[in-house]
């Protein structure tokens, strides 16, 4: 999914990329007529949620929280009454 940003409040970010990645990004931008910034932004937006999910999963493994059984959940919701 391509995200389009028109007049939203945006800030600037500078990143260092390995030469081969920058070359690929440059080639893609030239082939498509879009900017390298466009594709870098798309990559970040597309994968940010996945990275956040991985971080949360790893945190839960390090710092377990209370877990409930199916029976405990059903009793708490009073599904039988």
PDB file of N, CA and C in Angstrom:
ATOM      1  N   UNK A   1       0.846  -1.163   0.000  1.00  0.00           N
ATOM      2  CA  UNK A   1       0.000   0.000   0.000  1.00  0.00           C
ATOM      3  C   UNK A   1       0.897   1.232   0.000  1.00  0.00           C
ATOM      4  N   UNK A   2       0.644   2.136  -0.896  1.00  0.00           N
ATOM      5  CA  UNK A   2       1.428   3.362  -0.950  1.00  0.00           C
ATOM      6  C   UNK A   2       0.718   4.446  -0.151  1.00  0.00           C
ATOM      7  N   UNK A   3       1.445   5.064   0.741  1.00  0.00           N
ATOM      8  CA  UNK A   3       0.903   6.136   1.562  1.00  0.00           C
ATOM      9  C   UNK A   3       1.242   7.463   0.893  1.00  0.00           C
ATOM     10  N   UNK A   4       0.299   8.335   0.857  1.00  0.00           N
ATOM     11  CA  UNK A   4       0.528   9.648   0.254  1.00  0.00           C
ATOM     12  C   UNK A   4       0.420  10.707   1.336  1.00  0.00           C
ATOM     13  N   UNK A   5       1.432  11.527   1.403  1.00  0.00           N
ATOM     14  CA  UNK A   5       1.454  12.610   2.367  1.00  0.00           C
ATOM     15  C   UNK A   5       1.450  13.910   1.584  1.00  0.00           C
ATOM     16  N   UNK A   6       0.440  14.705   1.803  1.00  0.00           N
ATOM     17  CA  UNK A   6       0.330  15.941   1.037  1.00  0.00           C
ATOM     18  C   UNK A   6       0.728  17.132   1.900  1.00  0.00           C
ATOM     19  N   UNK A   7      -0.034  17.452   2.894  1.00  0.00           N
ATOM     20  CA  UNK A   7       0.282  18.644   3.692  1.00  0.00           C
ATOM     21  C   UNK A   7       0.334  18.315   5.179  1.00  0.00           C
ATOM     22  N   UNK A   8       0.612  17.064   5.504  1.00  0.00           N
ATOM     23  CA  UNK A   8       0.689  16.689   6.907  1.00  0.00           C
ATOM     24  C   UNK A   8       1.971  17.240   7.524  1.00  0.00           C
ATOM     25  N   UNK A   9       1.929  17.431   8.820  1.00  0.00           N
ATOM     26  CA  UNK A   9       3.105  17.896   9.539  1.00  0.00           C
ATOM     27  C   UNK A   9       4.160  16.792   9.504  1.00  0.00           C
ATOM     28  N   UNK A  10       5.292  17.067   8.902  1.00  0.00           N
ATOM     29  CA  UNK A  10       6.342  16.062   8.792  1.00  0.00           C
ATOM     30  C   UNK A  10       7.657  16.638   9.292  1.00  0.00           C
ATOM     31  N   UNK A  11       8.507  15.759   9.766  1.00  0.00           N
ATOM     32  CA  UNK A  11       9.849  16.166  10.174  1.00  0.00           C
ATOM     33  C   UNK A  11      10.858  15.446   9.282  1.00  0.00           C
ATOM     34  N   UNK A  12      12.100  15.840   9.401  1.00  0.00           N
ATOM     35  CA  UNK A  12      13.147  15.296   8.545  1.00  0.00           C
ATOM     36  C   UNK A  12      13.970  14.277   9.307  1.00  0.00           C
ATOM     37  N   UNK A  13      14.448  13.261   8.600  1.00  0.00           N
ATOM     38  CA  UNK A  13      15.279  12.215   9.171  1.00  0.00           C
ATOM     39  C   UNK A  13      16.410  11.931   8.200  1.00  0.00           C
ATOM     40  N   UNK A  14      17.621  11.912   8.688  1.00  0.00           N
ATOM     41  CA  UNK A  14      18.772  11.561   7.849  1.00  0.00           C
ATOM     42  C   UNK A  14      19.230  10.165   8.252  1.00  0.00           C
ATOM     43  N   UNK A  15      19.476   9.315   7.263  1.00  0.00           N
ATOM     44  CA  UNK A  15      19.935   7.960   7.552  1.00  0.00           C
ATOM     45  C   UNK A  15      21.154   7.621   6.699  1.00  0.00           C
ATOM     46  N   UNK A  16      21.967   6.724   7.206  1.00  0.00           N
ATOM     47  CA  UNK A  16      23.108   6.212   6.449  1.00  0.00           C
ATOM     48  C   UNK A  16      22.737   4.825   5.959  1.00  0.00           C
ATOM     49  N   UNK A  17      23.000   4.583   4.684  1.00  0.00           N
ATOM     50  CA  UNK A  17      22.689   3.293   4.078  1.00  0.00           C
ATOM     51  C   UNK A  17      23.949   2.689   3.492  1.00  0.00           C
ATOM     52  N   UNK A  18      24.028   1.356   3.498  1.00  0.00           N
ATOM     53  CA  UNK A  18      25.136   0.721   2.781  1.00  0.00           C
ATOM     54  C   UNK A  18      25.068   1.116   1.301  1.00  0.00           C
ATOM     55  N   UNK A  19      26.212   1.219   0.676  1.00  0.00           N
ATOM     56  CA  UNK A  19      26.284   1.677  -0.715  1.00  0.00           C
ATOM     57  C   UNK A  19      25.392   0.864  -1.638  1.00  0.00           C
ATOM     58  N   UNK A  20      25.368  -0.457  -1.475  1.00  0.00           N
ATOM     59  CA  UNK A  20      24.563  -1.296  -2.378  1.00  0.00           C
ATOM     60  C   UNK A  20      23.068  -1.018  -2.221  1.00  0.00           C
ATOM     61  N   UNK A  21      22.623  -0.732  -1.017  1.00  0.00           N
ATOM     62  CA  UNK A  21      21.209  -0.421  -0.784  1.00  0.00           C
ATOM     63  C   UNK A  21      20.874   0.938  -1.388  1.00  0.00           C
ATOM     64  N   UNK A  22      21.748   1.906  -1.185  1.00  0.00           N
ATOM     65  CA  UNK A  22      21.523   3.229  -1.755  1.00  0.00           C
ATOM     66  C   UNK A  22      21.496   3.159  -3.279  1.00  0.00           C
ATOM     67  N   UNK A  23      22.353   2.329  -3.860  1.00  0.00           N
ATOM     68  CA  UNK A  23      22.369   2.154  -5.318  1.00  0.00           C
ATOM     69  C   UNK A  23      21.053   1.553  -5.809  1.00  0.00           C
ATOM     70  N   UNK A  24      20.547   0.571  -5.095  1.00  0.00           N
ATOM     71  CA  UNK A  24      19.267  -0.041  -5.476  1.00  0.00           C
ATOM     72  C   UNK A  24      18.139   0.976  -5.372  1.00  0.00           C
ATOM     73  N   UNK A  25      18.151   1.744  -4.300  1.00  0.00           N
ATOM     74  CA  UNK A  25      17.135   2.773  -4.096  1.00  0.00           C
ATOM     75  C   UNK A  25      17.209   3.826  -5.206  1.00  0.00           C
ATOM     76  N   UNK A  26      18.408   4.230  -5.537  1.00  0.00           N
ATOM     77  CA  UNK A  26      18.609   5.205  -6.604  1.00  0.00           C
ATOM     78  C   UNK A  26      18.108   4.663  -7.941  1.00  0.00           C
ATOM     79  N   UNK A  27      18.431   3.421  -8.235  1.00  0.00           N
ATOM     80  CA  UNK A  27      17.991   2.793  -9.489  1.00  0.00           C
ATOM     81  C   UNK A  27      16.466   2.721  -9.563  1.00  0.00           C
ATOM     82  N   UNK A  28      15.832   2.310  -8.474  1.00  0.00           N
ATOM     83  CA  UNK A  28      14.370   2.225  -8.436  1.00  0.00           C
ATOM     84  C   UNK A  28      13.750   3.604  -8.648  1.00  0.00           C
ATOM     85  N   UNK A  29      14.299   4.600  -7.981  1.00  0.00           N
ATOM     86  CA  UNK A  29      13.770   5.960  -8.112  1.00  0.00           C
ATOM     87  C   UNK A  29      13.872   6.445  -9.558  1.00  0.00           C
ATOM     88  N   UNK A  30      14.999   6.202 -10.184  1.00  0.00           N
ATOM     89  CA  UNK A  30      15.184   6.643 -11.572  1.00  0.00           C
ATOM     90  C   UNK A  30      14.252   5.890 -12.528  1.00  0.00           C
ATOM     91  N   UNK A  31      14.070   4.599 -12.286  1.00  0.00           N
ATOM     92  CA  UNK A  31      13.210   3.789 -13.160  1.00  0.00           C
ATOM     93  C   UNK A  31      11.747   4.179 -13.053  1.00  0.00           C
ATOM     94  N   UNK A  32      11.344   4.651 -11.905  1.00  0.00           N
ATOM     95  CA  UNK A  32       9.921   4.931 -11.673  1.00  0.00           C
ATOM     96  C   UNK A  32       9.569   6.411 -11.702  1.00  0.00           C
ATOM     97  N   UNK A  33      10.575   7.261 -11.681  1.00  0.00           N
ATOM     98  CA  UNK A  33      10.303   8.689 -11.663  1.00  0.00           C
ATOM     99  C   UNK A  33       9.914   9.226 -10.292  1.00  0.00           C
ATOM    100  N   UNK A  34      10.071   8.430  -9.280  1.00  0.00           N
ATOM    101  CA  UNK A  34       9.801   8.878  -7.910  1.00  0.00           C
ATOM    102  C   UNK A  34      11.131   9.183  -7.229  1.00  0.00           C
ATOM    103  N   UNK A  35      11.055   9.783  -6.058  1.00  0.00           N
ATOM    104  CA  UNK A  35      12.281  10.127  -5.339  1.00  0.00           C
ATOM    105  C   UNK A  35      12.725   8.984  -4.430  1.00  0.00           C
ATOM    106  N   UNK A  36      14.007   9.019  -4.074  1.00  0.00           N
ATOM    107  CA  UNK A  36      14.517   8.050  -3.096  1.00  0.00           C
ATOM    108  C   UNK A  36      13.816   8.258  -1.763  1.00  0.00           C
ATOM    109  N   UNK A  37      13.526   9.508  -1.431  1.00  0.00           N
ATOM    110  CA  UNK A  37      12.822   9.818  -0.188  1.00  0.00           C
ATOM    111  C   UNK A  37      11.454   9.149  -0.161  1.00  0.00           C
ATOM    112  N   UNK A  38      10.763   9.171  -1.285  1.00  0.00           N
ATOM    113  CA  UNK A  38       9.452   8.531  -1.362  1.00  0.00           C
ATOM    114  C   UNK A  38       9.560   7.059  -0.980  1.00  0.00           C
ATOM    115  N   UNK A  39      10.512   6.351  -1.587  1.00  0.00           N
ATOM    116  CA  UNK A  39      10.635   4.919  -1.323  1.00  0.00           C
ATOM    117  C   UNK A  39      11.161   4.617   0.074  1.00  0.00           C
ATOM    118  N   UNK A  40      12.051   5.440   0.579  1.00  0.00           N
ATOM    119  CA  UNK A  40      12.531   5.244   1.947  1.00  0.00           C
ATOM    120  C   UNK A  40      11.386   5.420   2.943  1.00  0.00           C
ATOM    121  N   UNK A  41      10.568   6.453   2.712  1.00  0.00           N
ATOM    122  CA  UNK A  41       9.408   6.697   3.587  1.00  0.00           C
ATOM    123  C   UNK A  41       8.426   5.535   3.502  1.00  0.00           C
ATOM    124  N   UNK A  42       8.159   5.058   2.291  1.00  0.00           N
ATOM    125  CA  UNK A  42       7.237   3.934   2.113  1.00  0.00           C
ATOM    126  C   UNK A  42       7.731   2.693   2.854  1.00  0.00           C
ATOM    127  N   UNK A  43       9.025   2.417   2.762  1.00  0.00           N
ATOM    128  CA  UNK A  43       9.589   1.243   3.435  1.00  0.00           C
ATOM    129  C   UNK A  43       9.428   1.347   4.946  1.00  0.00           C
ATOM    130  N   UNK A  44       9.677   2.528   5.489  1.00  0.00           N
ATOM    131  CA  UNK A  44       9.545   2.725   6.935  1.00  0.00           C
ATOM    132  C   UNK A  44       8.093   2.574   7.365  1.00  0.00           C
ATOM    133  N   UNK A  45       7.199   3.253   6.680  1.00  0.00           N
ATOM    134  CA  UNK A  45       5.780   3.201   7.049  1.00  0.00           C
ATOM    135  C   UNK A  45       5.253   1.768   6.936  1.00  0.00           C
ATOM    136  N   UNK A  46       5.626   1.080   5.875  1.00  0.00           N
ATOM    137  CA  UNK A  46       5.127  -0.273   5.634  1.00  0.00           C
ATOM    138  C   UNK A  46       5.595  -1.261   6.698  1.00  0.00           C
ATOM    139  N   UNK A  47       6.797  -1.080   7.228  1.00  0.00           N
ATOM    140  CA  UNK A  47       7.360  -2.078   8.141  1.00  0.00           C
ATOM    141  C   UNK A  47       7.384  -1.651   9.604  1.00  0.00           C
ATOM    142  N   UNK A  48       7.021  -0.434   9.892  1.00  0.00           N
ATOM    143  CA  UNK A  48       7.073   0.050  11.267  1.00  0.00           C
ATOM    144  C   UNK A  48       6.166  -0.752  12.192  1.00  0.00           C
ATOM    145  N   UNK A  49       4.953  -1.048  11.761  1.00  0.00           N
ATOM    146  CA  UNK A  49       4.028  -1.807  12.612  1.00  0.00           C
ATOM    147  C   UNK A  49       4.578  -3.207  12.902  1.00  0.00           C
ATOM    148  N   UNK A  50       5.161  -3.835  11.907  1.00  0.00           N
ATOM    149  CA  UNK A  50       5.752  -5.160  12.104  1.00  0.00           C
ATOM    150  C   UNK A  50       6.895  -5.091  13.122  1.00  0.00           C
ATOM    151  N   UNK A  51       7.732  -4.078  13.020  1.00  0.00           N
ATOM    152  CA  UNK A  51       8.835  -3.918  13.969  1.00  0.00           C
ATOM    153  C   UNK A  51       8.313  -3.670  15.380  1.00  0.00           C
ATOM    154  N   UNK A  52       7.254  -2.882  15.497  1.00  0.00           N
ATOM    155  CA  UNK A  52       6.648  -2.640  16.815  1.00  0.00           C
ATOM    156  C   UNK A  52       6.095  -3.935  17.404  1.00  0.00           C
ATOM    157  N   UNK A  53       5.478  -4.779  16.569  1.00  0.00           N
ATOM    158  CA  UNK A  53       4.947  -6.065  17.032  1.00  0.00           C
ATOM    159  C   UNK A  53       6.062  -6.975  17.525  1.00  0.00           C
ATOM    160  N   UNK A  54       7.174  -7.011  16.805  1.00  0.00           N
ATOM    161  CA  UNK A  54       8.320  -7.834  17.214  1.00  0.00           C
ATOM    162  C   UNK A  54       8.854  -7.344  18.549  1.00  0.00           C
ATOM    163  N   UNK A  55       8.994  -6.027  18.698  1.00  0.00           N
ATOM    164  CA  UNK A  55       9.470  -5.462  19.956  1.00  0.00           C
ATOM    165  C   UNK A  55       8.555  -5.854  21.115  1.00  0.00           C
ATOM    166  N   UNK A  56       7.236  -5.733  20.912  1.00  0.00           N
ATOM    167  CA  UNK A  56       6.285  -6.078  21.961  1.00  0.00           C
ATOM    168  C   UNK A  56       6.360  -7.564  22.307  1.00  0.00           C
ATOM    169  N   UNK A  57       6.473  -8.423  21.311  1.00  0.00           N
ATOM    170  CA  UNK A  57       6.576  -9.868  21.558  1.00  0.00           C
ATOM    171  C   UNK A  57       7.836 -10.192  22.363  1.00  0.00           C
ATOM    172  N   UNK A  58       8.947  -9.582  21.985  1.00  0.00           N
ATOM    173  CA  UNK A  58      10.197  -9.825  22.719  1.00  0.00           C
ATOM    174  C   UNK A  58      10.099  -9.308  24.149  1.00  0.00           C
ATOM    175  N   UNK A  59       9.441  -8.172  24.336  1.00  0.00           N
ATOM    176  CA  UNK A  59       9.254  -7.623  25.675  1.00  0.00           C
ATOM    177  C   UNK A  59       8.401  -8.556  26.524  1.00  0.00           C
ATOM    178  N   UNK A  60       7.339  -9.100  25.931  1.00  0.00           N
ATOM    179  CA  UNK A  60       6.467 -10.024  26.675  1.00  0.00           C
ATOM    180  C   UNK A  60       7.217 -11.301  27.071  1.00  0.00           C
ATOM    181  N   UNK A  61       8.140 -11.730  26.254  1.00  0.00           N
ATOM    182  CA  UNK A  61       8.933 -12.912  26.601  1.00  0.00           C
ATOM    183  C   UNK A  61       9.887 -12.612  27.760  1.00  0.00           C
ATOM    184  N   UNK A  62      10.426 -11.401  27.784  1.00  0.00           N
ATOM    185  CA  UNK A  62      11.331 -10.993  28.862  1.00  0.00           C
ATOM    186  C   UNK A  62      10.574 -10.651  30.137  1.00  0.00           C
ATOM    187  N   UNK A  63       9.409 -10.068  29.995  1.00  0.00           N
ATOM    188  CA  UNK A  63       8.628  -9.578  31.136  1.00  0.00           C
ATOM    189  C   UNK A  63       7.204 -10.119  31.039  1.00  0.00           C
ATOM    190  N   UNK A  64       7.020 -11.391  31.398  1.00  0.00           N
ATOM    191  CA  UNK A  64       5.679 -11.989  31.273  1.00  0.00           C
ATOM    192  C   UNK A  64       4.635 -11.232  32.102  1.00  0.00           C
ATOM    193  N   UNK A  65       3.430 -11.214  31.596  1.00  0.00           N
ATOM    194  CA  UNK A  65       2.313 -10.591  32.295  1.00  0.00           C
ATOM    195  C   UNK A  65       1.298 -11.675  32.641  1.00  0.00           C
ATOM    196  N   UNK A  66       0.308 -11.305  33.432  1.00  0.00           N
ATOM    197  CA  UNK A  66      -0.747 -12.250  33.819  1.00  0.00           C
ATOM    198  C   UNK A  66      -1.427 -12.821  32.587  1.00  0.00           C
ATOM    199  N   UNK A  67      -1.628 -14.112  32.608  1.00  0.00           N
ATOM    200  CA  UNK A  67      -2.351 -14.776  31.526  1.00  0.00           C
ATOM    201  C   UNK A  67      -3.561 -15.470  32.108  1.00  0.00           C
ATOM    202  N   UNK A  68      -4.621 -15.527  31.343  1.00  0.00           N
ATOM    203  CA  UNK A  68      -5.855 -16.135  31.805  1.00  0.00           C
ATOM    204  C   UNK A  68      -6.177 -17.361  30.966  1.00  0.00           C
ATOM    205  N   UNK A  69      -6.820 -18.341  31.611  1.00  0.00           N
ATOM    206  CA  UNK A  69      -7.309 -19.508  30.876  1.00  0.00           C
ATOM    207  C   UNK A  69      -8.639 -19.134  30.230  1.00  0.00           C
ATOM    208  N   UNK A  70      -9.097 -19.974  29.323  1.00  0.00           N
ATOM    209  CA  UNK A  70     -10.392 -19.739  28.682  1.00  0.00           C
ATOM    210  C   UNK A  70     -11.499 -19.713  29.734  1.00  0.00           C
ATOM    211  N   UNK A  71     -11.453 -20.637  30.703  1.00  0.00           N
ATOM    212  CA  UNK A  71     -12.460 -20.676  31.767  1.00  0.00           C
ATOM    213  C   UNK A  71     -12.470 -19.384  32.586  1.00  0.00           C
ATOM    214  N   UNK A  72     -11.283 -18.867  32.926  1.00  0.00           N
ATOM    215  CA  UNK A  72     -11.206 -17.629  33.693  1.00  0.00           C
ATOM    216  C   UNK A  72     -11.813 -16.457  32.915  1.00  0.00           C
ATOM    217  N   UNK A  73     -11.550 -16.422  31.645  1.00  0.00           N
ATOM    218  CA  UNK A  73     -12.106 -15.356  30.815  1.00  0.00           C
ATOM    219  C   UNK A  73     -13.626 -15.453  30.756  1.00  0.00           C
ATOM    220  N   UNK A  74     -14.139 -16.663  30.565  1.00  0.00           N
ATOM    221  CA  UNK A  74     -15.597 -16.852  30.462  1.00  0.00           C
ATOM    222  C   UNK A  74     -16.272 -16.504  31.792  1.00  0.00           C
ATOM    223  N   UNK A  75     -15.655 -16.859  32.908  1.00  0.00           N
ATOM    224  CA  UNK A  75     -16.230 -16.537  34.215  1.00  0.00           C
ATOM    225  C   UNK A  75     -16.233 -15.025  34.433  1.00  0.00           C
ATOM    226  N   UNK A  76     -15.171 -14.375  34.036  1.00  0.00           N
ATOM    227  CA  UNK A  76     -15.071 -12.923  34.205  1.00  0.00           C
ATOM    228  C   UNK A  76     -16.076 -12.181  33.353  1.00  0.00           C
ATOM    229  N   UNK A  77     -16.458 -12.756  32.204  1.00  0.00           N
ATOM    230  CA  UNK A  77     -17.436 -12.124  31.333  1.00  0.00           C
ATOM    231  C   UNK A  77     -18.857 -12.536  31.667  1.00  0.00           C
ATOM    232  N   UNK A  78     -19.001 -13.518  32.560  1.00  0.00           N
ATOM    233  CA  UNK A  78     -20.309 -14.026  32.967  1.00  0.00           C
ATOM    234  C   UNK A  78     -21.127 -14.434  31.742  1.00  0.00           C
ATOM    235  N   UNK A  79     -20.544 -15.269  30.903  1.00  0.00           N
ATOM    236  CA  UNK A  79     -21.208 -15.693  29.680  1.00  0.00           C
ATOM    237  C   UNK A  79     -22.336 -16.684  29.935  1.00  0.00           C
ATOM    238  N   UNK A  80     -22.276 -17.387  31.067  1.00  0.00           N
ATOM    239  CA  UNK A  80     -23.306 -18.381  31.358  1.00  0.00           C
ATOM    240  C   UNK A  80     -24.529 -17.771  32.027  1.00  0.00           C
ATOM    241  N   UNK A  81     -24.415 -16.593  32.569  1.00  0.00           N
ATOM    242  CA  UNK A  81     -25.506 -16.013  33.365  1.00  0.00           C
ATOM    243  C   UNK A  81     -26.222 -15.018  32.590  1.00  0.00           C
TER     244      UNK A  81
END
